[in-house]
Structure formats: structure tokens, C-alpha cells
């Protein structure tokens, strides 16, 4: 790598855990799937391009359902940088 292996930029991800304050616990399964397929969150903001938008759009419904079910099993996690935003 010409950059010495250093990342070109840092991307901070949204919390997709089921944390009620900063995660997606208030999202329905349909909202999670819609966001994965369209790249647009329920509040109208677009996901960062680091997430492969085209993959979600190509997934079959059963795979989307499996991802939603899997995410629902992850214990709530609070990011240390969260400030109620």
C-alpha cells in the first residue's frame, strides 16, 4: 500500500445494536430492511457509502429477515462517544 497501511479516512458507524437510546431497538423489522435496501434511514438521512448499499438491494427477503433476526439477538451496547445526538 502506498500509504504505509494507514487508513485514508475514519468512518464512525451508527449503533445497530438494540440499545434504546442510540441503537435501532425502536425500529421495526420493516424499517431495518427498508434502510438496508434503499440506503435511507427512517429519519431521511443516507447511510455512509462504506456500507455496501447495492448488496442490500440484491438480497432476497429471507436473507433480510435473517439479518433482522440476528441483529435482534445482539445485546444492547452503548458507544462511549455517544452524547444523545
PDB file of N, CA and C in Angstrom:
ATOM      1  N   UNK A   1       0.836  -1.178   0.000  1.00  0.00           N
ATOM      2  CA  UNK A   1       0.000   0.000   0.000  1.00  0.00           C
ATOM      3  C   UNK A   1       0.883   1.244   0.000  1.00  0.00           C
ATOM      4  N   UNK A   2       0.627   2.163  -0.885  1.00  0.00           N
ATOM      5  CA  UNK A   2       1.449   3.370  -0.948  1.00  0.00           C
ATOM      6  C   UNK A   2       1.310   4.270   0.279  1.00  0.00           C
ATOM      7  N   UNK A   3       0.240   4.111   1.042  1.00  0.00           N
ATOM      8  CA  UNK A   3       0.030   4.970   2.206  1.00  0.00           C
ATOM      9  C   UNK A   3       0.619   4.366   3.481  1.00  0.00           C
ATOM     10  N   UNK A   4       1.397   3.311   3.343  1.00  0.00           N
ATOM     11  CA  UNK A   4       2.016   2.687   4.506  1.00  0.00           C
ATOM     12  C   UNK A   4       1.027   1.888   5.349  1.00  0.00           C
ATOM     13  N   UNK A   5      -0.120   1.535   4.778  1.00  0.00           N
ATOM     14  CA  UNK A   5      -1.108   0.756   5.502  1.00  0.00           C
ATOM     15  C   UNK A   5      -2.013   1.580   6.384  1.00  0.00           C
ATOM     16  N   UNK A   6      -1.905   2.891   6.329  1.00  0.00           N
ATOM     17  CA  UNK A   6      -2.761   3.754   7.151  1.00  0.00           C
ATOM     18  C   UNK A   6      -4.083   4.001   6.432  1.00  0.00           C
ATOM     19  N   UNK A   7      -5.173   4.061   7.187  1.00  0.00           N
ATOM     20  CA  UNK A   7      -6.464   4.313   6.529  1.00  0.00           C
ATOM     21  C   UNK A   7      -6.536   5.722   5.954  1.00  0.00           C
ATOM     22  N   UNK A   8      -7.240   5.846   4.839  1.00  0.00           N
ATOM     23  CA  UNK A   8      -7.391   7.150   4.199  1.00  0.00           C
ATOM     24  C   UNK A   8      -8.337   8.041   4.991  1.00  0.00           C
ATOM     25  N   UNK A   9      -9.278   7.436   5.690  1.00  0.00           N
ATOM     26  CA  UNK A   9     -10.218   8.204   6.497  1.00  0.00           C
ATOM     27  C   UNK A   9     -10.784   7.297   7.574  1.00  0.00           C
ATOM     28  N   UNK A  10     -11.433   7.901   8.516  1.00  0.00           N
ATOM     29  CA  UNK A  10     -12.061   7.150   9.598  1.00  0.00           C
ATOM     30  C   UNK A  10     -13.568   7.297   9.457  1.00  0.00           C
ATOM     31  N   UNK A  11     -14.279   6.195   9.515  1.00  0.00           N
ATOM     32  CA  UNK A  11     -15.729   6.204   9.436  1.00  0.00           C
ATOM     33  C   UNK A  11     -16.270   5.710  10.768  1.00  0.00           C
ATOM     34  N   UNK A  12     -17.113   6.504  11.387  1.00  0.00           N
ATOM     35  CA  UNK A  12     -17.747   6.106  12.636  1.00  0.00           C
ATOM     36  C   UNK A  12     -19.144   5.610  12.296  1.00  0.00           C
ATOM     37  N   UNK A  13     -19.397   4.374  12.636  1.00  0.00           N
ATOM     38  CA  UNK A  13     -20.673   3.758  12.298  1.00  0.00           C
ATOM     39  C   UNK A  13     -21.751   4.104  13.307  1.00  0.00           C
ATOM     40  N   UNK A  14     -22.975   4.075  12.863  1.00  0.00           N
ATOM     41  CA  UNK A  14     -24.112   4.180  13.774  1.00  0.00           C
ATOM     42  C   UNK A  14     -24.205   2.891  14.568  1.00  0.00           C
ATOM     43  N   UNK A  15     -24.832   2.973  15.709  1.00  0.00           N
ATOM     44  CA  UNK A  15     -25.002   1.814  16.569  1.00  0.00           C
ATOM     45  C   UNK A  15     -26.202   1.003  16.068  1.00  0.00           C
ATOM     46  N   UNK A  16     -25.935  -0.206  15.593  1.00  0.00           N
ATOM     47  CA  UNK A  16     -27.040  -1.033  15.120  1.00  0.00           C
ATOM     48  C   UNK A  16     -27.479  -2.047  16.166  1.00  0.00           C
ATOM     49  N   UNK A  17     -26.951  -1.924  17.386  1.00  0.00           N
ATOM     50  CA  UNK A  17     -27.396  -2.800  18.464  1.00  0.00           C
ATOM     51  C   UNK A  17     -28.800  -2.376  18.899  1.00  0.00           C
ATOM     52  N   UNK A  18     -29.377  -3.141  19.773  1.00  0.00           N
ATOM     53  CA  UNK A  18     -30.735  -2.837  20.211  1.00  0.00           C
ATOM     54  C   UNK A  18     -30.760  -1.901  21.413  1.00  0.00           C
ATOM     55  N   UNK A  19     -29.759  -1.051  21.530  1.00  0.00           N
ATOM     56  CA  UNK A  19     -29.737  -0.043  22.586  1.00  0.00           C
ATOM     57  C   UNK A  19     -30.897   0.924  22.365  1.00  0.00           C
ATOM     58  N   UNK A  20     -31.730   1.186  23.395  1.00  0.00           N
ATOM     59  CA  UNK A  20     -32.914   2.026  23.187  1.00  0.00           C
ATOM     60  C   UNK A  20     -32.612   3.496  22.920  1.00  0.00           C
ATOM     61  N   UNK A  21     -31.466   3.984  23.368  1.00  0.00           N
ATOM     62  CA  UNK A  21     -31.151   5.399  23.185  1.00  0.00           C
ATOM     63  C   UNK A  21     -30.401   5.689  21.894  1.00  0.00           C
ATOM     64  N   UNK A  22     -29.498   4.813  21.519  1.00  0.00           N
ATOM     65  CA  UNK A  22     -28.677   5.119  20.352  1.00  0.00           C
ATOM     66  C   UNK A  22     -28.654   4.016  19.305  1.00  0.00           C
ATOM     67  N   UNK A  23     -29.386   2.964  19.550  1.00  0.00           N
ATOM     68  CA  UNK A  23     -29.404   1.865  18.599  1.00  0.00           C
ATOM     69  C   UNK A  23     -30.682   1.854  17.780  1.00  0.00           C
ATOM     70  N   UNK A  24     -31.038   0.678  17.323  1.00  0.00           N
ATOM     71  CA  UNK A  24     -32.206   0.541  16.445  1.00  0.00           C
ATOM     72  C   UNK A  24     -33.333  -0.237  17.109  1.00  0.00           C
ATOM     73  N   UNK A  25     -33.360  -0.245  18.428  1.00  0.00           N
ATOM     74  CA  UNK A  25     -34.394  -1.040  19.104  1.00  0.00           C
ATOM     75  C   UNK A  25     -35.800  -0.534  18.822  1.00  0.00           C
ATOM     76  N   UNK A  26     -35.938   0.736  18.492  1.00  0.00           N
ATOM     77  CA  UNK A  26     -37.263   1.289  18.200  1.00  0.00           C
ATOM     78  C   UNK A  26     -37.657   1.127  16.729  1.00  0.00           C
ATOM     79  N   UNK A  27     -36.767   0.596  15.925  1.00  0.00           N
ATOM     80  CA  UNK A  27     -37.065   0.375  14.515  1.00  0.00           C
ATOM     81  C   UNK A  27     -37.819  -0.947  14.360  1.00  0.00           C
ATOM     82  N   UNK A  28     -38.785  -0.963  13.488  1.00  0.00           N
ATOM     83  CA  UNK A  28     -39.450  -2.227  13.158  1.00  0.00           C
ATOM     84  C   UNK A  28     -38.537  -3.015  12.228  1.00  0.00           C
ATOM     85  N   UNK A  29     -38.832  -4.296  12.091  1.00  0.00           N
ATOM     86  CA  UNK A  29     -38.076  -5.102  11.134  1.00  0.00           C
ATOM     87  C   UNK A  29     -38.192  -4.539   9.727  1.00  0.00           C
ATOM     88  N   UNK A  30     -39.376  -4.024   9.393  1.00  0.00           N
ATOM     89  CA  UNK A  30     -39.588  -3.446   8.059  1.00  0.00           C
ATOM     90  C   UNK A  30     -38.699  -2.214   7.850  1.00  0.00           C
ATOM     91  N   UNK A  31     -38.520  -1.389   8.890  1.00  0.00           N
ATOM     92  CA  UNK A  31     -37.656  -0.210   8.759  1.00  0.00           C
ATOM     93  C   UNK A  31     -36.194  -0.603   8.586  1.00  0.00           C
ATOM     94  N   UNK A  32     -35.764  -1.630   9.321  1.00  0.00           N
ATOM     95  CA  UNK A  32     -34.381  -2.094   9.170  1.00  0.00           C
ATOM     96  C   UNK A  32     -34.152  -2.580   7.747  1.00  0.00           C
ATOM     97  N   UNK A  33     -35.078  -3.393   7.247  1.00  0.00           N
ATOM     98  CA  UNK A  33     -34.935  -3.927   5.891  1.00  0.00           C
ATOM     99  C   UNK A  33     -35.004  -2.813   4.847  1.00  0.00           C
ATOM    100  N   UNK A  34     -35.900  -1.870   5.032  1.00  0.00           N
ATOM    101  CA  UNK A  34     -36.016  -0.751   4.095  1.00  0.00           C
ATOM    102  C   UNK A  34     -34.710   0.040   4.049  1.00  0.00           C
ATOM    103  N   UNK A  35     -34.109   0.271   5.206  1.00  0.00           N
ATOM    104  CA  UNK A  35     -32.849   1.004   5.255  1.00  0.00           C
ATOM    105  C   UNK A  35     -31.742   0.220   4.566  1.00  0.00           C
ATOM    106  N   UNK A  36     -31.727  -1.091   4.761  1.00  0.00           N
ATOM    107  CA  UNK A  36     -30.703  -1.914   4.106  1.00  0.00           C
ATOM    108  C   UNK A  36     -30.852  -1.898   2.590  1.00  0.00           C
ATOM    109  N   UNK A  37     -32.079  -1.891   2.121  1.00  0.00           N
ATOM    110  CA  UNK A  37     -32.334  -1.967   0.680  1.00  0.00           C
ATOM    111  C   UNK A  37     -32.166  -0.611  -0.010  1.00  0.00           C
ATOM    112  N   UNK A  38     -32.644   0.453   0.637  1.00  0.00           N
ATOM    113  CA  UNK A  38     -32.634   1.774  -0.010  1.00  0.00           C
ATOM    114  C   UNK A  38     -31.437   2.636   0.351  1.00  0.00           C
ATOM    115  N   UNK A  39     -30.820   2.356   1.504  1.00  0.00           N
ATOM    116  CA  UNK A  39     -29.714   3.193   1.950  1.00  0.00           C
ATOM    117  C   UNK A  39     -30.166   4.466   2.638  1.00  0.00           C
ATOM    118  N   UNK A  40     -31.462   4.566   2.926  1.00  0.00           N
ATOM    119  CA  UNK A  40     -32.017   5.756   3.576  1.00  0.00           C
ATOM    120  C   UNK A  40     -32.602   5.342   4.921  1.00  0.00           C
ATOM    121  N   UNK A  41     -32.172   6.029   5.980  1.00  0.00           N
ATOM    122  CA  UNK A  41     -32.680   5.746   7.321  1.00  0.00           C
ATOM    123  C   UNK A  41     -34.089   6.294   7.477  1.00  0.00           C
ATOM    124  N   UNK A  42     -34.816   5.847   8.510  1.00  0.00           N
ATOM    125  CA  UNK A  42     -36.179   6.350   8.735  1.00  0.00           C
ATOM    126  C   UNK A  42     -36.256   7.869   8.897  1.00  0.00           C
ATOM    127  N   UNK A  43     -35.172   8.503   9.374  1.00  0.00           N
ATOM    128  CA  UNK A  43     -35.193   9.961   9.527  1.00  0.00           C
ATOM    129  C   UNK A  43     -34.861  10.688   8.230  1.00  0.00           C
ATOM    130  N   UNK A  44     -34.645   9.932   7.148  1.00  0.00           N
ATOM    131  CA  UNK A  44     -34.375  10.532   5.842  1.00  0.00           C
ATOM    132  C   UNK A  44     -32.907  10.716   5.505  1.00  0.00           C
ATOM    133  N   UNK A  45     -32.006  10.486   6.469  1.00  0.00           N
ATOM    134  CA  UNK A  45     -30.578  10.629   6.175  1.00  0.00           C
ATOM    135  C   UNK A  45     -30.082   9.386   5.441  1.00  0.00           C
ATOM    136  N   UNK A  46     -29.054   9.575   4.636  1.00  0.00           N
ATOM    137  CA  UNK A  46     -28.491   8.475   3.861  1.00  0.00           C
ATOM    138  C   UNK A  46     -27.393   7.782   4.648  1.00  0.00           C
ATOM    139  N   UNK A  47     -27.279   6.478   4.461  1.00  0.00           N
ATOM    140  CA  UNK A  47     -26.187   5.737   5.081  1.00  0.00           C
ATOM    141  C   UNK A  47     -24.878   6.123   4.425  1.00  0.00           C
ATOM    142  N   UNK A  48     -23.802   5.969   5.174  1.00  0.00           N
ATOM    143  CA  UNK A  48     -22.465   6.235   4.653  1.00  0.00           C
ATOM    144  C   UNK A  48     -22.142   5.201   3.579  1.00  0.00           C
ATOM    145  N   UNK A  49     -21.463   5.616   2.547  1.00  0.00           N
ATOM    146  CA  UNK A  49     -21.151   4.724   1.428  1.00  0.00           C
ATOM    147  C   UNK A  49     -20.273   3.543   1.850  1.00  0.00           C
ATOM    148  N   UNK A  50     -19.665   3.612   3.020  1.00  0.00           N
ATOM    149  CA  UNK A  50     -18.868   2.474   3.494  1.00  0.00           C
ATOM    150  C   UNK A  50     -19.729   1.221   3.621  1.00  0.00           C
ATOM    151  N   UNK A  51     -21.021   1.421   3.804  1.00  0.00           N
ATOM    152  CA  UNK A  51     -21.935   0.289   3.829  1.00  0.00           C
ATOM    153  C   UNK A  51     -22.280  -0.055   2.382  1.00  0.00           C
ATOM    154  N   UNK A  52     -22.196  -1.330   2.008  1.00  0.00           N
ATOM    155  CA  UNK A  52     -22.453  -1.706   0.613  1.00  0.00           C
ATOM    156  C   UNK A  52     -23.940  -1.618   0.264  1.00  0.00           C
ATOM    157  N   UNK A  53     -24.357  -0.463  -0.203  1.00  0.00           N
ATOM    158  CA  UNK A  53     -25.771  -0.235  -0.496  1.00  0.00           C
ATOM    159  C   UNK A  53     -26.330  -1.197  -1.528  1.00  0.00           C
ATOM    160  N   UNK A  54     -25.540  -1.503  -2.538  1.00  0.00           N
ATOM    161  CA  UNK A  54     -26.047  -2.359  -3.604  1.00  0.00           C
ATOM    162  C   UNK A  54     -26.275  -3.800  -3.135  1.00  0.00           C
ATOM    163  N   UNK A  55     -25.576  -4.246  -2.122  1.00  0.00           N
ATOM    164  CA  UNK A  55     -25.776  -5.609  -1.631  1.00  0.00           C
ATOM    165  C   UNK A  55     -27.160  -5.763  -1.025  1.00  0.00           C
ATOM    166  N   UNK A  56     -27.585  -4.799  -0.211  1.00  0.00           N
ATOM    167  CA  UNK A  56     -28.895  -4.877   0.413  1.00  0.00           C
ATOM    168  C   UNK A  56     -30.011  -4.931  -0.602  1.00  0.00           C
ATOM    169  N   UNK A  57     -29.856  -4.176  -1.663  1.00  0.00           N
ATOM    170  CA  UNK A  57     -30.885  -4.125  -2.698  1.00  0.00           C
ATOM    171  C   UNK A  57     -31.007  -5.449  -3.443  1.00  0.00           C
ATOM    172  N   UNK A  58     -29.971  -6.259  -3.401  1.00  0.00           N
ATOM    173  CA  UNK A  58     -29.988  -7.537  -4.120  1.00  0.00           C
ATOM    174  C   UNK A  58     -30.377  -8.722  -3.248  1.00  0.00           C
ATOM    175  N   UNK A  59     -30.555  -8.487  -1.964  1.00  0.00           N
ATOM    176  CA  UNK A  59     -30.849  -9.594  -1.054  1.00  0.00           C
ATOM    177  C   UNK A  59     -32.293 -10.076  -1.201  1.00  0.00           C
ATOM    178  N   UNK A  60     -32.468 -11.364  -1.015  1.00  0.00           N
ATOM    179  CA  UNK A  60     -33.824 -11.914  -1.051  1.00  0.00           C
ATOM    180  C   UNK A  60     -34.478 -11.667   0.315  1.00  0.00           C
ATOM    181  N   UNK A  61     -35.794 -11.608   0.362  1.00  0.00           N
ATOM    182  CA  UNK A  61     -36.488 -11.321   1.623  1.00  0.00           C
ATOM    183  C   UNK A  61     -36.085 -12.229   2.784  1.00  0.00           C
ATOM    184  N   UNK A  62     -35.862 -13.503   2.527  1.00  0.00           N
ATOM    185  CA  UNK A  62     -35.496 -14.428   3.604  1.00  0.00           C
ATOM    186  C   UNK A  62     -34.149 -14.046   4.228  1.00  0.00           C
ATOM    187  N   UNK A  63     -33.217 -13.586   3.411  1.00  0.00           N
ATOM    188  CA  UNK A  63     -31.917 -13.163   3.940  1.00  0.00           C
ATOM    189  C   UNK A  63     -32.051 -11.881   4.763  1.00  0.00           C
ATOM    190  N   UNK A  64     -32.861 -10.949   4.294  1.00  0.00           N
ATOM    191  CA  UNK A  64     -33.111  -9.729   5.063  1.00  0.00           C
ATOM    192  C   UNK A  64     -33.757 -10.069   6.402  1.00  0.00           C
ATOM    193  N   UNK A  65     -34.712 -10.978   6.398  1.00  0.00           N
ATOM    194  CA  UNK A  65     -35.359 -11.413   7.638  1.00  0.00           C
ATOM    195  C   UNK A  65     -34.332 -12.029   8.591  1.00  0.00           C
ATOM    196  N   UNK A  66     -33.411 -12.825   8.058  1.00  0.00           N
ATOM    197  CA  UNK A  66     -32.394 -13.474   8.889  1.00  0.00           C
ATOM    198  C   UNK A  66     -31.464 -12.441   9.521  1.00  0.00           C
ATOM    199  N   UNK A  67     -31.114 -11.403   8.777  1.00  0.00           N
ATOM    200  CA  UNK A  67     -30.258 -10.351   9.332  1.00  0.00           C
ATOM    201  C   UNK A  67     -30.974  -9.615  10.452  1.00  0.00           C
ATOM    202  N   UNK A  68     -32.227  -9.281  10.240  1.00  0.00           N
ATOM    203  CA  UNK A  68     -33.004  -8.597  11.278  1.00  0.00           C
ATOM    204  C   UNK A  68     -33.070  -9.473  12.529  1.00  0.00           C
ATOM    205  N   UNK A  69     -33.346 -10.750  12.355  1.00  0.00           N
ATOM    206  CA  UNK A  69     -33.422 -11.666  13.498  1.00  0.00           C
ATOM    207  C   UNK A  69     -32.083 -11.741  14.224  1.00  0.00           C
ATOM    208  N   UNK A  70     -30.998 -11.773  13.474  1.00  0.00           N
ATOM    209  CA  UNK A  70     -29.670 -11.838  14.075  1.00  0.00           C
ATOM    210  C   UNK A  70     -29.346 -10.570  14.857  1.00  0.00           C
ATOM    211  N   UNK A  71     -29.635  -9.412  14.275  1.00  0.00           N
ATOM    212  CA  UNK A  71     -29.363  -8.149  14.954  1.00  0.00           C
ATOM    213  C   UNK A  71     -30.145  -8.061  16.257  1.00  0.00           C
ATOM    214  N   UNK A  72     -31.339  -8.583  16.266  1.00  0.00           N
ATOM    215  CA  UNK A  72     -32.182  -8.539  17.464  1.00  0.00           C
ATOM    216  C   UNK A  72     -31.604  -9.364  18.614  1.00  0.00           C
ATOM    217  N   UNK A  73     -30.663 -10.264  18.329  1.00  0.00           N
ATOM    218  CA  UNK A  73     -30.060 -11.086  19.379  1.00  0.00           C
ATOM    219  C   UNK A  73     -28.831 -10.438  20.003  1.00  0.00           C
ATOM    220  N   UNK A  74     -28.322  -9.379  19.414  1.00  0.00           N
ATOM    221  CA  UNK A  74     -27.113  -8.715  19.922  1.00  0.00           C
ATOM    222  C   UNK A  74     -27.485  -7.891  21.151  1.00  0.00           C
ATOM    223  N   UNK A  75     -26.790  -8.085  22.262  1.00  0.00           N
ATOM    224  CA  UNK A  75     -27.120  -7.317  23.470  1.00  0.00           C
ATOM    225  C   UNK A  75     -26.931  -5.821  23.240  1.00  0.00           C
ATOM    226  N   UNK A  76     -27.724  -4.992  23.920  1.00  0.00           N
ATOM    227  CA  UNK A  76     -27.563  -3.542  23.783  1.00  0.00           C
ATOM    228  C   UNK A  76     -26.134  -3.119  24.126  1.00  0.00           C
ATOM    229  N   UNK A  77     -25.620  -2.191  23.363  1.00  0.00           N
ATOM    230  CA  UNK A  77     -24.275  -1.669  23.603  1.00  0.00           C
ATOM    231  C   UNK A  77     -24.318  -0.157  23.453  1.00  0.00           C
ATOM    232  N   UNK A  78     -23.718   0.528  24.385  1.00  0.00           N
ATOM    233  CA  UNK A  78     -23.666   1.985  24.331  1.00  0.00           C
ATOM    234  C   UNK A  78     -22.267   2.399  23.915  1.00  0.00           C
ATOM    235  N   UNK A  79     -22.184   3.173  22.852  1.00  0.00           N
ATOM    236  CA  UNK A  79     -20.896   3.666  22.389  1.00  0.00           C
ATOM    237  C   UNK A  79     -20.394   4.736  23.370  1.00  0.00           C
ATOM    238  N   UNK A  80     -19.119   4.690  23.729  1.00  0.00           N
ATOM    239  CA  UNK A  80     -18.597   5.638  24.706  1.00  0.00           C
ATOM    240  C   UNK A  80     -18.623   7.088  24.234  1.00  0.00           C
ATOM    241  N   UNK A  81     -18.697   7.327  22.939  1.00  0.00           N
ATOM    242  CA  UNK A  81     -18.685   8.688  22.403  1.00  0.00           C
ATOM    243  C   UNK A  81     -20.081   9.285  22.289  1.00  0.00           C
ATOM    244  N   UNK A  82     -21.104   8.498  22.562  1.00  0.00           N
ATOM    245  CA  UNK A  82     -22.482   8.960  22.373  1.00  0.00           C
ATOM    246  C   UNK A  82     -22.826  10.106  23.329  1.00  0.00           C
ATOM    247  N   UNK A  83     -23.463  11.138  22.788  1.00  0.00           N
ATOM    248  CA  UNK A  83     -23.844  12.308  23.598  1.00  0.00           C
ATOM    249  C   UNK A  83     -25.303  12.661  23.395  1.00  0.00           C
ATOM    250  N   UNK A  84     -26.133  11.688  23.143  1.00  0.00           N
ATOM    251  CA  UNK A  84     -27.557  11.939  22.978  1.00  0.00           C
ATOM    252  C   UNK A  84     -27.919  12.611  21.674  1.00  0.00           C
ATOM    253  N   UNK A  85     -27.123  12.386  20.633  1.00  0.00           N
ATOM    254  CA  UNK A  85     -27.365  13.021  19.341  1.00  0.00           C
ATOM    255  C   UNK A  85     -28.236  12.169  18.467  1.00  0.00           C
TER     256      UNK A  85
END
